[in-house]
Amino acid sequence: MRTIPATVITAALLLALAACGSDDDSKTQPSSTTSAPTTAPALSHAEIVERCTTAVAALPPGPNGEVPSTPTPKPCIGLSDHDYLDAYMDGIAQSNQQGRDALEDAITAGADGGQ
């Protein structure tokens, strides 16, 4: 059997590794003319607070009727404690108003159906 000297194997491995680490990455790198993915425009502070308020209003109440303040809804992450508290309270008010409107609609529908 013939054996291949270790120096030949080492030289072949070094050449293979040198080819992988060449400075000519133009074949593997995308060209600079490709467009980068577009990102959505940044939301204004008022839009973030509005989205937070809407998210809080959509939270289901707990068994005692309380709306949980934790975990923080995703749209509210990053707001200051003050802004989150304002949005949280506005969201609860919005949810309460929706509940009152739904109750009023049910009462009105029941009154109209009975006459």
N, C-alpha and C. Protein backbone atom coordinates (compact mmCIF):
# COMPACT_ATOMS: atom_id res chain seq x y z
N MET A 1 0.83 -1.17 0.00
CA MET A 1 0.00 0.00 0.00
C MET A 1 0.88 1.23 0.00
N ARG A 2 0.39 2.20 -0.64
CA ARG A 2 1.12 3.45 -0.66
C ARG A 2 0.58 4.35 0.43
N THR A 3 1.41 5.06 1.08
CA THR A 3 0.99 6.05 2.06
C THR A 3 1.32 7.43 1.54
N ILE A 4 0.44 8.33 1.80
CA ILE A 4 0.66 9.71 1.38
C ILE A 4 1.34 10.42 2.53
N PRO A 5 2.45 11.05 2.24
CA PRO A 5 3.18 11.73 3.31
C PRO A 5 2.32 12.81 3.96
N ALA A 6 2.52 13.00 5.24
CA ALA A 6 1.77 13.97 6.01
C ALA A 6 1.94 15.38 5.46
N THR A 7 3.08 15.68 4.90
CA THR A 7 3.28 17.03 4.37
C THR A 7 2.39 17.29 3.17
N VAL A 8 2.11 16.29 2.36
CA VAL A 8 1.24 16.47 1.20
C VAL A 8 -0.19 16.71 1.68
N ILE A 9 -0.63 15.94 2.67
CA ILE A 9 -1.98 16.12 3.20
C ILE A 9 -2.12 17.49 3.85
N THR A 10 -1.11 17.89 4.63
CA THR A 10 -1.15 19.19 5.29
C THR A 10 -1.17 20.31 4.25
N ALA A 11 -0.39 20.18 3.20
CA ALA A 11 -0.36 21.20 2.16
C ALA A 11 -1.72 21.29 1.47
N ALA A 12 -2.37 20.17 1.21
CA ALA A 12 -3.68 20.18 0.56
C ALA A 12 -4.73 20.85 1.46
N LEU A 13 -4.68 20.53 2.75
CA LEU A 13 -5.61 21.16 3.69
C LEU A 13 -5.39 22.67 3.78
N LEU A 14 -4.14 23.09 3.81
CA LEU A 14 -3.84 24.52 3.88
C LEU A 14 -4.31 25.24 2.62
N LEU A 15 -4.16 24.63 1.48
CA LEU A 15 -4.63 25.24 0.24
C LEU A 15 -6.16 25.35 0.24
N ALA A 16 -6.81 24.32 0.72
CA ALA A 16 -8.27 24.35 0.78
C ALA A 16 -8.74 25.45 1.73
N LEU A 17 -8.10 25.56 2.88
CA LEU A 17 -8.47 26.60 3.83
C LEU A 17 -8.15 27.99 3.31
N ALA A 18 -7.06 28.12 2.59
CA ALA A 18 -6.69 29.42 2.02
C ALA A 18 -7.72 29.84 0.98
N ALA A 19 -8.24 28.91 0.23
CA ALA A 19 -9.25 29.25 -0.78
C ALA A 19 -10.54 29.71 -0.12
N CYS A 20 -10.88 29.13 1.01
CA CYS A 20 -12.11 29.53 1.72
C CYS A 20 -11.97 30.91 2.33
N GLY A 21 -10.78 31.30 2.70
CA GLY A 21 -10.58 32.57 3.38
C GLY A 21 -10.03 33.64 2.48
N SER A 22 -10.19 33.52 1.17
CA SER A 22 -9.63 34.52 0.26
C SER A 22 -10.33 35.86 0.45
N ASP A 23 -9.63 36.92 0.06
CA ASP A 23 -10.17 38.26 0.20
C ASP A 23 -11.20 38.59 -0.89
N ASP A 24 -11.29 37.76 -1.91
CA ASP A 24 -12.22 38.02 -2.99
C ASP A 24 -13.58 37.43 -2.65
N ASP A 25 -14.39 38.20 -1.96
CA ASP A 25 -15.71 37.74 -1.55
C ASP A 25 -16.79 38.23 -2.51
N SER A 26 -16.40 38.73 -3.68
CA SER A 26 -17.39 39.29 -4.59
C SER A 26 -18.38 38.25 -5.07
N LYS A 27 -17.99 36.98 -5.07
CA LYS A 27 -18.90 35.94 -5.53
C LYS A 27 -19.93 35.59 -4.46
N THR A 28 -19.59 35.79 -3.20
CA THR A 28 -20.51 35.41 -2.14
C THR A 28 -21.27 36.60 -1.56
N GLN A 29 -20.79 37.80 -1.76
CA GLN A 29 -21.44 38.98 -1.21
C GLN A 29 -22.46 39.51 -2.21
N PRO A 30 -23.64 39.92 -1.76
CA PRO A 30 -24.60 40.51 -2.68
C PRO A 30 -24.07 41.84 -3.19
N SER A 31 -24.45 42.16 -4.40
CA SER A 31 -23.97 43.41 -4.96
C SER A 31 -24.59 44.58 -4.21
N SER A 32 -23.93 45.71 -4.28
CA SER A 32 -24.40 46.87 -3.54
C SER A 32 -25.64 47.49 -4.17
N THR A 33 -26.02 47.02 -5.36
CA THR A 33 -27.20 47.57 -6.01
C THR A 33 -28.49 46.91 -5.55
N THR A 34 -28.38 45.82 -4.78
CA THR A 34 -29.61 45.20 -4.28
C THR A 34 -30.23 46.10 -3.23
N SER A 35 -31.54 46.16 -3.24
CA SER A 35 -32.22 47.03 -2.30
C SER A 35 -32.39 46.33 -0.96
N ALA A 36 -32.18 47.08 0.08
CA ALA A 36 -32.38 46.56 1.43
C ALA A 36 -33.87 46.54 1.72
N PRO A 37 -34.31 45.62 2.57
CA PRO A 37 -35.73 45.59 2.90
C PRO A 37 -36.15 46.91 3.53
N THR A 38 -37.31 47.37 3.12
CA THR A 38 -37.80 48.62 3.67
C THR A 38 -38.40 48.39 5.04
N THR A 39 -38.25 49.35 5.90
CA THR A 39 -38.82 49.26 7.22
C THR A 39 -39.98 50.24 7.32
N ALA A 40 -40.91 49.93 8.17
CA ALA A 40 -42.05 50.81 8.36
C ALA A 40 -41.57 52.11 8.99
N PRO A 41 -42.22 53.20 8.63
CA PRO A 41 -41.80 54.46 9.24
C PRO A 41 -42.05 54.43 10.75
N ALA A 42 -41.21 55.12 11.46
CA ALA A 42 -41.34 55.16 12.91
C ALA A 42 -42.65 55.85 13.29
N LEU A 43 -43.28 55.31 14.31
CA LEU A 43 -44.54 55.89 14.79
C LEU A 43 -44.26 57.08 15.69
N SER A 44 -45.18 58.03 15.64
CA SER A 44 -45.04 59.17 16.54
C SER A 44 -45.41 58.73 17.95
N HIS A 45 -45.05 59.52 18.92
CA HIS A 45 -45.35 59.20 20.32
C HIS A 45 -46.87 59.08 20.52
N ALA A 46 -47.61 59.98 19.90
CA ALA A 46 -49.08 59.95 20.03
C ALA A 46 -49.66 58.66 19.44
N GLU A 47 -49.10 58.19 18.32
CA GLU A 47 -49.58 56.95 17.71
C GLU A 47 -49.27 55.74 18.60
N ILE A 48 -48.11 55.76 19.22
CA ILE A 48 -47.74 54.66 20.12
C ILE A 48 -48.69 54.63 21.32
N VAL A 49 -48.97 55.80 21.90
CA VAL A 49 -49.88 55.88 23.04
C VAL A 49 -51.28 55.42 22.62
N GLU A 50 -51.72 55.81 21.43
CA GLU A 50 -53.05 55.41 20.94
C GLU A 50 -53.12 53.89 20.76
N ARG A 51 -52.07 53.30 20.19
CA ARG A 51 -52.05 51.84 20.03
C ARG A 51 -52.04 51.14 21.38
N CYS A 52 -51.33 51.69 22.34
CA CYS A 52 -51.29 51.13 23.68
C CYS A 52 -52.68 51.20 24.32
N THR A 53 -53.34 52.33 24.18
CA THR A 53 -54.68 52.51 24.74
C THR A 53 -55.64 51.48 24.14
N THR A 54 -55.57 51.28 22.85
CA THR A 54 -56.42 50.32 22.16
C THR A 54 -56.13 48.89 22.64
N ALA A 55 -54.84 48.60 22.85
CA ALA A 55 -54.46 47.26 23.33
C ALA A 55 -54.98 47.01 24.73
N VAL A 56 -54.91 48.01 25.58
CA VAL A 56 -55.42 47.87 26.95
C VAL A 56 -56.94 47.69 26.92
N ALA A 57 -57.62 48.44 26.06
CA ALA A 57 -59.07 48.33 25.96
C ALA A 57 -59.49 46.94 25.50
N ALA A 58 -58.64 46.26 24.75
CA ALA A 58 -58.97 44.92 24.24
C ALA A 58 -58.64 43.81 25.24
N LEU A 59 -57.97 44.14 26.34
CA LEU A 59 -57.62 43.11 27.33
C LEU A 59 -58.88 42.58 28.00
N PRO A 60 -58.96 41.27 28.15
CA PRO A 60 -60.12 40.72 28.87
C PRO A 60 -59.96 40.96 30.37
N PRO A 61 -61.05 41.30 31.03
CA PRO A 61 -60.95 41.50 32.48
C PRO A 61 -60.73 40.18 33.19
N GLY A 62 -60.12 40.27 34.36
CA GLY A 62 -59.89 39.09 35.18
C GLY A 62 -61.17 38.66 35.87
N PRO A 63 -61.08 37.66 36.74
CA PRO A 63 -62.28 37.14 37.41
C PRO A 63 -62.98 38.17 38.30
N ASN A 64 -62.26 39.15 38.78
CA ASN A 64 -62.86 40.19 39.62
C ASN A 64 -63.30 41.40 38.81
N GLY A 65 -63.18 41.31 37.49
CA GLY A 65 -63.54 42.44 36.64
C GLY A 65 -62.40 43.43 36.46
N GLU A 66 -61.25 43.16 37.07
CA GLU A 66 -60.11 44.06 36.97
C GLU A 66 -59.35 43.78 35.68
N VAL A 67 -58.88 44.84 35.05
CA VAL A 67 -58.05 44.71 33.85
C VAL A 67 -56.60 44.63 34.31
N PRO A 68 -55.89 43.56 33.96
CA PRO A 68 -54.52 43.41 34.43
C PRO A 68 -53.60 44.47 33.81
N SER A 69 -52.68 44.97 34.61
CA SER A 69 -51.72 45.95 34.10
C SER A 69 -50.40 45.27 33.72
N THR A 70 -50.25 44.02 34.12
CA THR A 70 -49.08 43.24 33.74
C THR A 70 -49.55 41.90 33.22
N PRO A 71 -48.95 41.31 32.27
CA PRO A 71 -47.78 41.83 31.55
C PRO A 71 -48.18 43.01 30.67
N THR A 72 -47.22 43.85 30.41
CA THR A 72 -47.46 45.04 29.59
C THR A 72 -47.80 44.60 28.17
N PRO A 73 -48.90 45.11 27.61
CA PRO A 73 -49.22 44.78 26.21
C PRO A 73 -48.09 45.21 25.29
N LYS A 74 -47.87 44.45 24.24
CA LYS A 74 -46.75 44.70 23.33
C LYS A 74 -46.69 46.13 22.81
N PRO A 75 -47.81 46.73 22.38
CA PRO A 75 -47.72 48.11 21.88
C PRO A 75 -47.29 49.12 22.94
N CYS A 76 -47.37 48.75 24.21
CA CYS A 76 -47.05 49.68 25.30
C CYS A 76 -45.58 49.60 25.73
N ILE A 77 -44.89 48.58 25.28
CA ILE A 77 -43.49 48.42 25.69
C ILE A 77 -42.68 49.61 25.19
N GLY A 78 -41.92 50.17 26.06
CA GLY A 78 -41.08 51.31 25.71
C GLY A 78 -41.65 52.64 26.16
N LEU A 79 -42.92 52.66 26.55
CA LEU A 79 -43.48 53.90 27.07
C LEU A 79 -42.97 54.13 28.49
N SER A 80 -42.89 55.37 28.87
CA SER A 80 -42.51 55.67 30.25
C SER A 80 -43.64 55.21 31.17
N ASP A 81 -43.36 55.06 32.45
CA ASP A 81 -44.39 54.64 33.40
C ASP A 81 -45.57 55.61 33.38
N HIS A 82 -45.27 56.90 33.30
CA HIS A 82 -46.32 57.92 33.27
C HIS A 82 -47.22 57.75 32.04
N ASP A 83 -46.59 57.59 30.86
CA ASP A 83 -47.37 57.45 29.63
C ASP A 83 -48.15 56.14 29.62
N TYR A 84 -47.55 55.07 30.15
CA TYR A 84 -48.26 53.79 30.20
C TYR A 84 -49.47 53.90 31.13
N LEU A 85 -49.30 54.54 32.28
CA LEU A 85 -50.42 54.69 33.21
C LEU A 85 -51.55 55.49 32.56
N ASP A 86 -51.22 56.57 31.85
CA ASP A 86 -52.24 57.35 31.16
C ASP A 86 -52.96 56.51 30.11
N ALA A 87 -52.19 55.77 29.30
CA ALA A 87 -52.79 54.93 28.26
C ALA A 87 -53.62 53.81 28.88
N TYR A 88 -53.13 53.25 29.98
CA TYR A 88 -53.85 52.17 30.68
C TYR A 88 -55.20 52.68 31.18
N MET A 89 -55.21 53.84 31.82
CA MET A 89 -56.46 54.40 32.34
C MET A 89 -57.41 54.77 31.20
N ASP A 90 -56.87 55.34 30.12
CA ASP A 90 -57.70 55.66 28.96
C ASP A 90 -58.25 54.39 28.31
N GLY A 91 -57.44 53.33 28.29
CA GLY A 91 -57.90 52.05 27.73
C GLY A 91 -59.02 51.45 28.55
N ILE A 92 -58.92 51.54 29.87
CA ILE A 92 -59.99 51.03 30.74
C ILE A 92 -61.26 51.86 30.51
N ALA A 93 -61.13 53.18 30.41
CA ALA A 93 -62.29 54.04 30.15
C ALA A 93 -62.93 53.69 28.81
N GLN A 94 -62.09 53.44 27.81
CA GLN A 94 -62.59 53.07 26.49
C GLN A 94 -63.33 51.73 26.56
N SER A 95 -62.78 50.78 27.26
CA SER A 95 -63.41 49.47 27.42
C SER A 95 -64.74 49.59 28.15
N ASN A 96 -64.76 50.39 29.21
CA ASN A 96 -66.00 50.61 29.96
C ASN A 96 -67.07 51.25 29.08
N GLN A 97 -66.68 52.21 28.25
CA GLN A 97 -67.63 52.87 27.36
C GLN A 97 -68.19 51.87 26.35
N GLN A 98 -67.33 51.01 25.83
CA GLN A 98 -67.80 49.99 24.90
C GLN A 98 -68.80 49.06 25.58
N GLY A 99 -68.53 48.71 26.82
CA GLY A 99 -69.45 47.86 27.58
C GLY A 99 -70.79 48.55 27.82
N ARG A 100 -70.76 49.84 28.17
CA ARG A 100 -72.00 50.59 28.37
C ARG A 100 -72.79 50.69 27.07
N ASP A 101 -72.08 50.93 25.95
CA ASP A 101 -72.75 51.03 24.65
C ASP A 101 -73.40 49.70 24.28
N ALA A 102 -72.69 48.59 24.52
CA ALA A 102 -73.25 47.27 24.21
C ALA A 102 -74.47 46.98 25.07
N LEU A 103 -74.42 47.35 26.35
CA LEU A 103 -75.56 47.14 27.24
C LEU A 103 -76.75 47.98 26.79
N GLU A 104 -76.49 49.22 26.43
CA GLU A 104 -77.57 50.10 25.97
C GLU A 104 -78.19 49.55 24.68
N ASP A 105 -77.35 49.05 23.77
CA ASP A 105 -77.87 48.46 22.53
C ASP A 105 -78.73 47.23 22.84
N ALA A 106 -78.31 46.42 23.80
CA ALA A 106 -79.08 45.22 24.16
C ALA A 106 -80.40 45.61 24.79
N ILE A 107 -80.40 46.62 25.63
CA ILE A 107 -81.63 47.07 26.27
C ILE A 107 -82.59 47.64 25.22
N THR A 108 -82.05 48.45 24.32
CA THR A 108 -82.86 49.04 23.26
C THR A 108 -83.42 47.96 22.35
N ALA A 109 -82.62 46.97 21.99
CA ALA A 109 -83.10 45.89 21.14
C ALA A 109 -84.17 45.08 21.83
N GLY A 110 -84.03 44.86 23.13
CA GLY A 110 -85.04 44.13 23.89
C GLY A 110 -86.33 44.90 24.00
N ALA A 111 -86.24 46.23 24.18
CA ALA A 111 -87.43 47.07 24.30
C ALA A 111 -88.17 47.16 22.97
N ASP A 112 -87.42 47.21 21.87
CA ASP A 112 -88.04 47.30 20.56
C ASP A 112 -88.68 45.98 20.15
N GLY A 113 -88.11 44.89 20.58
CA GLY A 113 -88.63 43.57 20.21
C GLY A 113 -89.88 43.20 20.97
N GLY A 114 -90.14 43.81 22.11
CA GLY A 114 -91.28 43.47 22.94
C GLY A 114 -92.53 44.25 22.62
N GLN A 115 -92.43 45.22 21.70
CA GLN A 115 -93.61 46.06 21.43
C GLN A 115 -94.31 45.67 20.17
